[in-house]
Amino acid sequence: MSKVTVTQLDEQHYRVSGELTRNSISAERLLNKKPQSDHKTWYFDLSEVSRVDTAGLAWLIHSFAELKQQG
């Protein structure tokens, strides 16, 4: 099992790597806090995600919704 990690590349770009599965996400947050930038769009590179299940996909969608609500 590979834990999910999120690496900030610059103000707008992030890389998600590892596994997005029921066993690896638990209470992880996509970002610990809202990105501090004037940009209204953020990009997430998922090319290094090695495995995804339905729980991981739901976590990803929920995380994006949280970011959108924060502004």
PDB file of N, CA and C in Angstrom:
ATOM      1  N   MET A   1       0.844  -1.185   0.000  1.00  0.00           N
ATOM      2  CA  MET A   1       0.000   0.000   0.000  1.00  0.00           C
ATOM      3  C   MET A   1       0.885   1.242   0.000  1.00  0.00           C
ATOM      4  N   SER A   2       0.593   2.161  -0.875  1.00  0.00           N
ATOM      5  CA  SER A   2       1.344   3.406  -0.998  1.00  0.00           C
ATOM      6  C   SER A   2       0.448   4.566  -0.587  1.00  0.00           C
ATOM      7  N   LYS A   3       0.877   5.323   0.389  1.00  0.00           N
ATOM      8  CA  LYS A   3       0.101   6.458   0.863  1.00  0.00           C
ATOM      9  C   LYS A   3      -0.004   7.525  -0.227  1.00  0.00           C
ATOM     10  N   VAL A   4      -1.113   8.226  -0.247  1.00  0.00           N
ATOM     11  CA  VAL A   4      -1.301   9.311  -1.205  1.00  0.00           C
ATOM     12  C   VAL A   4      -0.523  10.535  -0.713  1.00  0.00           C
ATOM     13  N   THR A   5       0.164  11.190  -1.629  1.00  0.00           N
ATOM     14  CA  THR A   5       0.872  12.425  -1.293  1.00  0.00           C
ATOM     15  C   THR A   5       0.536  13.492  -2.324  1.00  0.00           C
ATOM     16  N   VAL A   6       0.519  14.724  -1.869  1.00  0.00           N
ATOM     17  CA  VAL A   6       0.266  15.861  -2.749  1.00  0.00           C
ATOM     18  C   VAL A   6       1.452  16.808  -2.619  1.00  0.00           C
ATOM     19  N   THR A   7       2.068  17.113  -3.752  1.00  0.00           N
ATOM     20  CA  THR A   7       3.235  17.987  -3.786  1.00  0.00           C
ATOM     21  C   THR A   7       2.884  19.251  -4.554  1.00  0.00           C
ATOM     22  N   GLN A   8       3.145  20.397  -3.956  1.00  0.00           N
ATOM     23  CA  GLN A   8       2.900  21.665  -4.647  1.00  0.00           C
ATOM     24  C   GLN A   8       4.071  21.958  -5.561  1.00  0.00           C
ATOM     25  N   LEU A   9       3.791  22.139  -6.850  1.00  0.00           N
ATOM     26  CA  LEU A   9       4.824  22.427  -7.843  1.00  0.00           C
ATOM     27  C   LEU A   9       5.043  23.926  -8.012  1.00  0.00           C
ATOM     28  N   ASP A  10       3.957  24.686  -7.997  1.00  0.00           N
ATOM     29  CA  ASP A  10       4.004  26.148  -8.021  1.00  0.00           C
ATOM     30  C   ASP A  10       2.666  26.641  -7.493  1.00  0.00           C
ATOM     31  N   GLU A  11       2.343  27.924  -7.678  1.00  0.00           N
ATOM     32  CA  GLU A  11       1.119  28.485  -7.095  1.00  0.00           C
ATOM     33  C   GLU A  11      -0.159  27.807  -7.569  1.00  0.00           C
ATOM     34  N   GLN A  12      -0.163  27.287  -8.781  1.00  0.00           N
ATOM     35  CA  GLN A  12      -1.378  26.712  -9.358  1.00  0.00           C
ATOM     36  C   GLN A  12      -1.306  25.212  -9.590  1.00  0.00           C
ATOM     37  N   HIS A  13      -0.143  24.613  -9.515  1.00  0.00           N
ATOM     38  CA  HIS A  13       0.027  23.224  -9.937  1.00  0.00           C
ATOM     39  C   HIS A  13       0.440  22.318  -8.781  1.00  0.00           C
ATOM     40  N   TYR A  14      -0.234  21.167  -8.728  1.00  0.00           N
ATOM     41  CA  TYR A  14       0.024  20.173  -7.689  1.00  0.00           C
ATOM     42  C   TYR A  14       0.164  18.807  -8.338  1.00  0.00           C
ATOM     43  N   ARG A  15       0.948  17.930  -7.722  1.00  0.00           N
ATOM     44  CA  ARG A  15       1.091  16.558  -8.205  1.00  0.00           C
ATOM     45  C   ARG A  15       0.568  15.620  -7.117  1.00  0.00           C
ATOM     46  N   VAL A  16      -0.348  14.738  -7.512  1.00  0.00           N
ATOM     47  CA  VAL A  16      -0.877  13.716  -6.616  1.00  0.00           C
ATOM     48  C   VAL A  16      -0.202  12.412  -6.988  1.00  0.00           C
ATOM     49  N   SER A  17       0.343  11.708  -5.994  1.00  0.00           N
ATOM     50  CA  SER A  17       1.016  10.441  -6.282  1.00  0.00           C
ATOM     51  C   SER A  17       0.655   9.402  -5.229  1.00  0.00           C
ATOM     52  N   GLY A  18       0.911   8.151  -5.560  1.00  0.00           N
ATOM     53  CA  GLY A  18       0.585   7.044  -4.660  1.00  0.00           C
ATOM     54  C   GLY A  18      -0.732   6.400  -5.049  1.00  0.00           C
ATOM     55  N   GLU A  19      -1.361   5.772  -4.076  1.00  0.00           N
ATOM     56  CA  GLU A  19      -2.632   5.085  -4.311  1.00  0.00           C
ATOM     57  C   GLU A  19      -3.791   5.886  -3.739  1.00  0.00           C
ATOM     58  N   LEU A  20      -4.856   5.980  -4.509  1.00  0.00           N
ATOM     59  CA  LEU A  20      -6.100   6.584  -4.032  1.00  0.00           C
ATOM     60  C   LEU A  20      -7.075   5.444  -3.785  1.00  0.00           C
ATOM     61  N   THR A  21      -6.929   4.801  -2.648  1.00  0.00           N
ATOM     62  CA  THR A  21      -7.780   3.660  -2.309  1.00  0.00           C
ATOM     63  C   THR A  21      -8.343   3.831  -0.903  1.00  0.00           C
ATOM     64  N   ARG A  22      -9.311   3.017  -0.592  1.00  0.00           N
ATOM     65  CA  ARG A  22      -9.940   3.028   0.726  1.00  0.00           C
ATOM     66  C   ARG A  22      -8.901   2.899   1.836  1.00  0.00           C
ATOM     67  N   ASN A  23      -7.860   2.117   1.599  1.00  0.00           N
ATOM     68  CA  ASN A  23      -6.848   1.872   2.624  1.00  0.00           C
ATOM     69  C   ASN A  23      -5.797   2.969   2.726  1.00  0.00           C
ATOM     70  N   SER A  24      -5.656   3.790   1.705  1.00  0.00           N
ATOM     71  CA  SER A  24      -4.570   4.775   1.723  1.00  0.00           C
ATOM     72  C   SER A  24      -5.017   6.200   2.032  1.00  0.00           C
ATOM     73  N   ILE A  25      -6.308   6.507   1.877  1.00  0.00           N
ATOM     74  CA  ILE A  25      -6.718   7.902   2.049  1.00  0.00           C
ATOM     75  C   ILE A  25      -7.157   8.234   3.467  1.00  0.00           C
ATOM     76  N   SER A  26      -7.828   7.339   4.148  1.00  0.00           N
ATOM     77  CA  SER A  26      -8.367   7.547   5.497  1.00  0.00           C
ATOM     78  C   SER A  26      -8.853   8.984   5.664  1.00  0.00           C
ATOM     79  N   ALA A  27      -8.264   9.724   6.576  1.00  0.00           N
ATOM     80  CA  ALA A  27      -8.718  11.094   6.843  1.00  0.00           C
ATOM     81  C   ALA A  27      -7.827  12.129   6.166  1.00  0.00           C
ATOM     82  N   GLU A  28      -7.081  11.706   5.162  1.00  0.00           N
ATOM     83  CA  GLU A  28      -6.205  12.641   4.445  1.00  0.00           C
ATOM     84  C   GLU A  28      -7.035  13.736   3.785  1.00  0.00           C
ATOM     85  N   ARG A  29      -6.450  14.892   3.693  1.00  0.00           N
ATOM     86  CA  ARG A  29      -7.058  15.983   2.933  1.00  0.00           C
ATOM     87  C   ARG A  29      -6.207  16.211   1.700  1.00  0.00           C
ATOM     88  N   LEU A  30      -6.842  16.607   0.636  1.00  0.00           N
ATOM     89  CA  LEU A  30      -6.095  16.883  -0.591  1.00  0.00           C
ATOM     90  C   LEU A  30      -5.075  17.987  -0.331  1.00  0.00           C
ATOM     91  N   LEU A  31      -5.527  19.058   0.264  1.00  0.00           N
ATOM     92  CA  LEU A  31      -4.629  20.143   0.676  1.00  0.00           C
ATOM     93  C   LEU A  31      -4.970  20.482   2.121  1.00  0.00           C
ATOM     94  N   ASN A  32      -3.985  20.739   2.928  1.00  0.00           N
ATOM     95  CA  ASN A  32      -4.232  21.066   4.330  1.00  0.00           C
ATOM     96  C   ASN A  32      -4.895  22.421   4.500  1.00  0.00           C
ATOM     97  N   LYS A  33      -4.715  23.279   3.532  1.00  0.00           N
ATOM     98  CA  LYS A  33      -5.366  24.586   3.551  1.00  0.00           C
ATOM     99  C   LYS A  33      -5.556  25.059   2.119  1.00  0.00           C
ATOM    100  N   LYS A  34      -6.443  26.023   1.965  1.00  0.00           N
ATOM    101  CA  LYS A  34      -6.699  26.589   0.639  1.00  0.00           C
ATOM    102  C   LYS A  34      -5.415  27.207   0.099  1.00  0.00           C
ATOM    103  N   PRO A  35      -5.124  26.980  -1.165  1.00  0.00           N
ATOM    104  CA  PRO A  35      -3.931  27.594  -1.757  1.00  0.00           C
ATOM    105  C   PRO A  35      -3.960  29.113  -1.599  1.00  0.00           C
ATOM    106  N   GLN A  36      -2.842  29.675  -1.196  1.00  0.00           N
ATOM    107  CA  GLN A  36      -2.731  31.119  -0.996  1.00  0.00           C
ATOM    108  C   GLN A  36      -2.233  31.782  -2.280  1.00  0.00           C
ATOM    109  N   SER A  37      -3.139  32.021  -3.182  1.00  0.00           N
ATOM    110  CA  SER A  37      -2.782  32.717  -4.420  1.00  0.00           C
ATOM    111  C   SER A  37      -4.020  33.420  -4.956  1.00  0.00           C
ATOM    112  N   ASP A  38      -3.804  34.305  -5.898  1.00  0.00           N
ATOM    113  CA  ASP A  38      -4.915  35.030  -6.509  1.00  0.00           C
ATOM    114  C   ASP A  38      -5.580  34.228  -7.619  1.00  0.00           C
ATOM    115  N   HIS A  39      -5.022  33.081  -7.950  1.00  0.00           N
ATOM    116  CA  HIS A  39      -5.562  32.259  -9.025  1.00  0.00           C
ATOM    117  C   HIS A  39      -6.860  31.590  -8.579  1.00  0.00           C
ATOM    118  N   LYS A  40      -7.801  31.500  -9.484  1.00  0.00           N
ATOM    119  CA  LYS A  40      -9.066  30.838  -9.183  1.00  0.00           C
ATOM    120  C   LYS A  40      -9.107  29.429  -9.731  1.00  0.00           C
ATOM    121  N   THR A  41      -8.054  29.033 -10.431  1.00  0.00           N
ATOM    122  CA  THR A  41      -7.980  27.698 -11.012  1.00  0.00           C
ATOM    123  C   THR A  41      -6.704  27.026 -10.542  1.00  0.00           C
ATOM    124  N   TRP A  42      -6.820  25.754 -10.123  1.00  0.00           N
ATOM    125  CA  TRP A  42      -5.662  24.972  -9.721  1.00  0.00           C
ATOM    126  C   TRP A  42      -5.635  23.713 -10.569  1.00  0.00           C
ATOM    127  N   TYR A  43      -4.469  23.216 -10.833  1.00  0.00           N
ATOM    128  CA  TYR A  43      -4.286  22.036 -11.674  1.00  0.00           C
ATOM    129  C   TYR A  43      -3.654  20.921 -10.848  1.00  0.00           C
ATOM    130  N   PHE A  44      -4.228  19.724 -10.974  1.00  0.00           N
ATOM    131  CA  PHE A  44      -3.731  18.566 -10.244  1.00  0.00           C
ATOM    132  C   PHE A  44      -3.290  17.507 -11.245  1.00  0.00           C
ATOM    133  N   ASP A  45      -2.010  17.194 -11.229  1.00  0.00           N
ATOM    134  CA  ASP A  45      -1.427  16.168 -12.093  1.00  0.00           C
ATOM    135  C   ASP A  45      -1.611  14.820 -11.403  1.00  0.00           C
ATOM    136  N   LEU A  46      -2.379  13.936 -12.016  1.00  0.00           N
ATOM    137  CA  LEU A  46      -2.659  12.616 -11.442  1.00  0.00           C
ATOM    138  C   LEU A  46      -1.842  11.518 -12.109  1.00  0.00           C
ATOM    139  N   SER A  47      -0.858  11.886 -12.914  1.00  0.00           N
ATOM    140  CA  SER A  47      -0.108  10.888 -13.686  1.00  0.00           C
ATOM    141  C   SER A  47       0.707   9.932 -12.819  1.00  0.00           C
ATOM    142  N   GLU A  48       0.996  10.306 -11.582  1.00  0.00           N
ATOM    143  CA  GLU A  48       1.763   9.428 -10.705  1.00  0.00           C
ATOM    144  C   GLU A  48       0.890   8.655  -9.719  1.00  0.00           C
ATOM    145  N   VAL A  49      -0.417   8.692  -9.928  1.00  0.00           N
ATOM    146  CA  VAL A  49      -1.318   7.873  -9.117  1.00  0.00           C
ATOM    147  C   VAL A  49      -1.249   6.458  -9.667  1.00  0.00           C
ATOM    148  N   SER A  50      -0.900   5.514  -8.811  1.00  0.00           N
ATOM    149  CA  SER A  50      -0.671   4.148  -9.282  1.00  0.00           C
ATOM    150  C   SER A  50      -1.918   3.272  -9.246  1.00  0.00           C
ATOM    151  N   ARG A  51      -2.894   3.637  -8.425  1.00  0.00           N
ATOM    152  CA  ARG A  51      -4.093   2.810  -8.302  1.00  0.00           C
ATOM    153  C   ARG A  51      -5.222   3.659  -7.727  1.00  0.00           C
ATOM    154  N   VAL A  52      -6.442   3.434  -8.220  1.00  0.00           N
ATOM    155  CA  VAL A  52      -7.616   4.163  -7.736  1.00  0.00           C
ATOM    156  C   VAL A  52      -8.760   3.179  -7.577  1.00  0.00           C
ATOM    157  N   ASP A  53      -9.503   3.293  -6.473  1.00  0.00           N
ATOM    158  CA  ASP A  53     -10.748   2.542  -6.350  1.00  0.00           C
ATOM    159  C   ASP A  53     -11.886   3.555  -6.186  1.00  0.00           C
ATOM    160  N   THR A  54     -13.105   3.078  -6.007  1.00  0.00           N
ATOM    161  CA  THR A  54     -14.242   4.000  -5.938  1.00  0.00           C
ATOM    162  C   THR A  54     -14.156   4.921  -4.725  1.00  0.00           C
ATOM    163  N   ALA A  55     -13.610   4.449  -3.614  1.00  0.00           N
ATOM    164  CA  ALA A  55     -13.440   5.309  -2.435  1.00  0.00           C
ATOM    165  C   ALA A  55     -12.445   6.425  -2.735  1.00  0.00           C
ATOM    166  N   GLY A  56     -11.386   6.098  -3.451  1.00  0.00           N
ATOM    167  CA  GLY A  56     -10.397   7.109  -3.823  1.00  0.00           C
ATOM    168  C   GLY A  56     -10.975   8.148  -4.764  1.00  0.00           C
ATOM    169  N   LEU A  57     -11.782   7.702  -5.709  1.00  0.00           N
ATOM    170  CA  LEU A  57     -12.426   8.629  -6.637  1.00  0.00           C
ATOM    171  C   LEU A  57     -13.397   9.540  -5.888  1.00  0.00           C
ATOM    172  N   ALA A  58     -14.175   8.970  -4.967  1.00  0.00           N
ATOM    173  CA  ALA A  58     -15.104   9.772  -4.167  1.00  0.00           C
ATOM    174  C   ALA A  58     -14.344  10.794  -3.322  1.00  0.00           C
ATOM    175  N   TRP A  59     -13.211  10.383  -2.743  1.00  0.00           N
ATOM    176  CA  TRP A  59     -12.377  11.285  -1.940  1.00  0.00           C
ATOM    177  C   TRP A  59     -11.885  12.451  -2.794  1.00  0.00           C
ATOM    178  N   LEU A  60     -11.457  12.157  -4.014  1.00  0.00           N
ATOM    179  CA  LEU A  60     -10.948  13.184  -4.913  1.00  0.00           C
ATOM    180  C   LEU A  60     -12.050  14.187  -5.269  1.00  0.00           C
ATOM    181  N   ILE A  61     -13.223  13.691  -5.616  1.00  0.00           N
ATOM    182  CA  ILE A  61     -14.355  14.565  -5.960  1.00  0.00           C
ATOM    183  C   ILE A  61     -14.751  15.418  -4.759  1.00  0.00           C
ATOM    184  N   HIS A  62     -14.829  14.805  -3.584  1.00  0.00           N
ATOM    185  CA  HIS A  62     -15.174  15.534  -2.358  1.00  0.00           C
ATOM    186  C   HIS A  62     -14.126  16.615  -2.056  1.00  0.00           C
ATOM    187  N   SER A  63     -12.862  16.288  -2.246  1.00  0.00           N
ATOM    188  CA  SER A  63     -11.781  17.251  -1.995  1.00  0.00           C
ATOM    189  C   SER A  63     -11.886  18.453  -2.922  1.00  0.00           C
ATOM    190  N   PHE A  64     -12.176  18.208  -4.197  1.00  0.00           N
ATOM    191  CA  PHE A  64     -12.340  19.315  -5.143  1.00  0.00           C
ATOM    192  C   PHE A  64     -13.541  20.176  -4.751  1.00  0.00           C
ATOM    193  N   ALA A  65     -14.623  19.550  -4.298  1.00  0.00           N
ATOM    194  CA  ALA A  65     -15.807  20.301  -3.868  1.00  0.00           C
ATOM    195  C   ALA A  65     -15.481  21.173  -2.654  1.00  0.00           C
ATOM    196  N   GLU A  66     -14.689  20.646  -1.710  1.00  0.00           N
ATOM    197  CA  GLU A  66     -14.270  21.434  -0.544  1.00  0.00           C
ATOM    198  C   GLU A  66     -13.461  22.660  -0.968  1.00  0.00           C
ATOM    199  N   LEU A  67     -12.534  22.462  -1.886  1.00  0.00           N
ATOM    200  CA  LEU A  67     -11.726  23.588  -2.370  1.00  0.00           C
ATOM    201  C   LEU A  67     -12.596  24.648  -3.033  1.00  0.00           C
ATOM    202  N   LYS A  68     -13.573  24.197  -3.810  1.00  0.00           N
ATOM    203  CA  LYS A  68     -14.461  25.133  -4.499  1.00  0.00           C
ATOM    204  C   LYS A  68     -15.273  25.945  -3.486  1.00  0.00           C
ATOM    205  N   GLN A  69     -15.747  25.294  -2.426  1.00  0.00           N
ATOM    206  CA  GLN A  69     -16.528  25.985  -1.397  1.00  0.00           C
ATOM    207  C   GLN A  69     -15.697  27.024  -0.654  1.00  0.00           C
ATOM    208  N   GLN A  70     -14.416  26.754  -0.493  1.00  0.00           N
ATOM    209  CA  GLN A  70     -13.536  27.676   0.231  1.00  0.00           C
ATOM    210  C   GLN A  70     -13.251  28.940  -0.573  1.00  0.00           C
ATOM    211  N   GLY A  71     -13.593  28.898  -1.833  1.00  0.00           N
ATOM    212  CA  GLY A  71     -13.428  30.114  -2.625  1.00  0.00           C
ATOM    213  C   GLY A  71     -12.453  29.952  -3.704  1.00  0.00           C
TER     214      GLY A  71
END
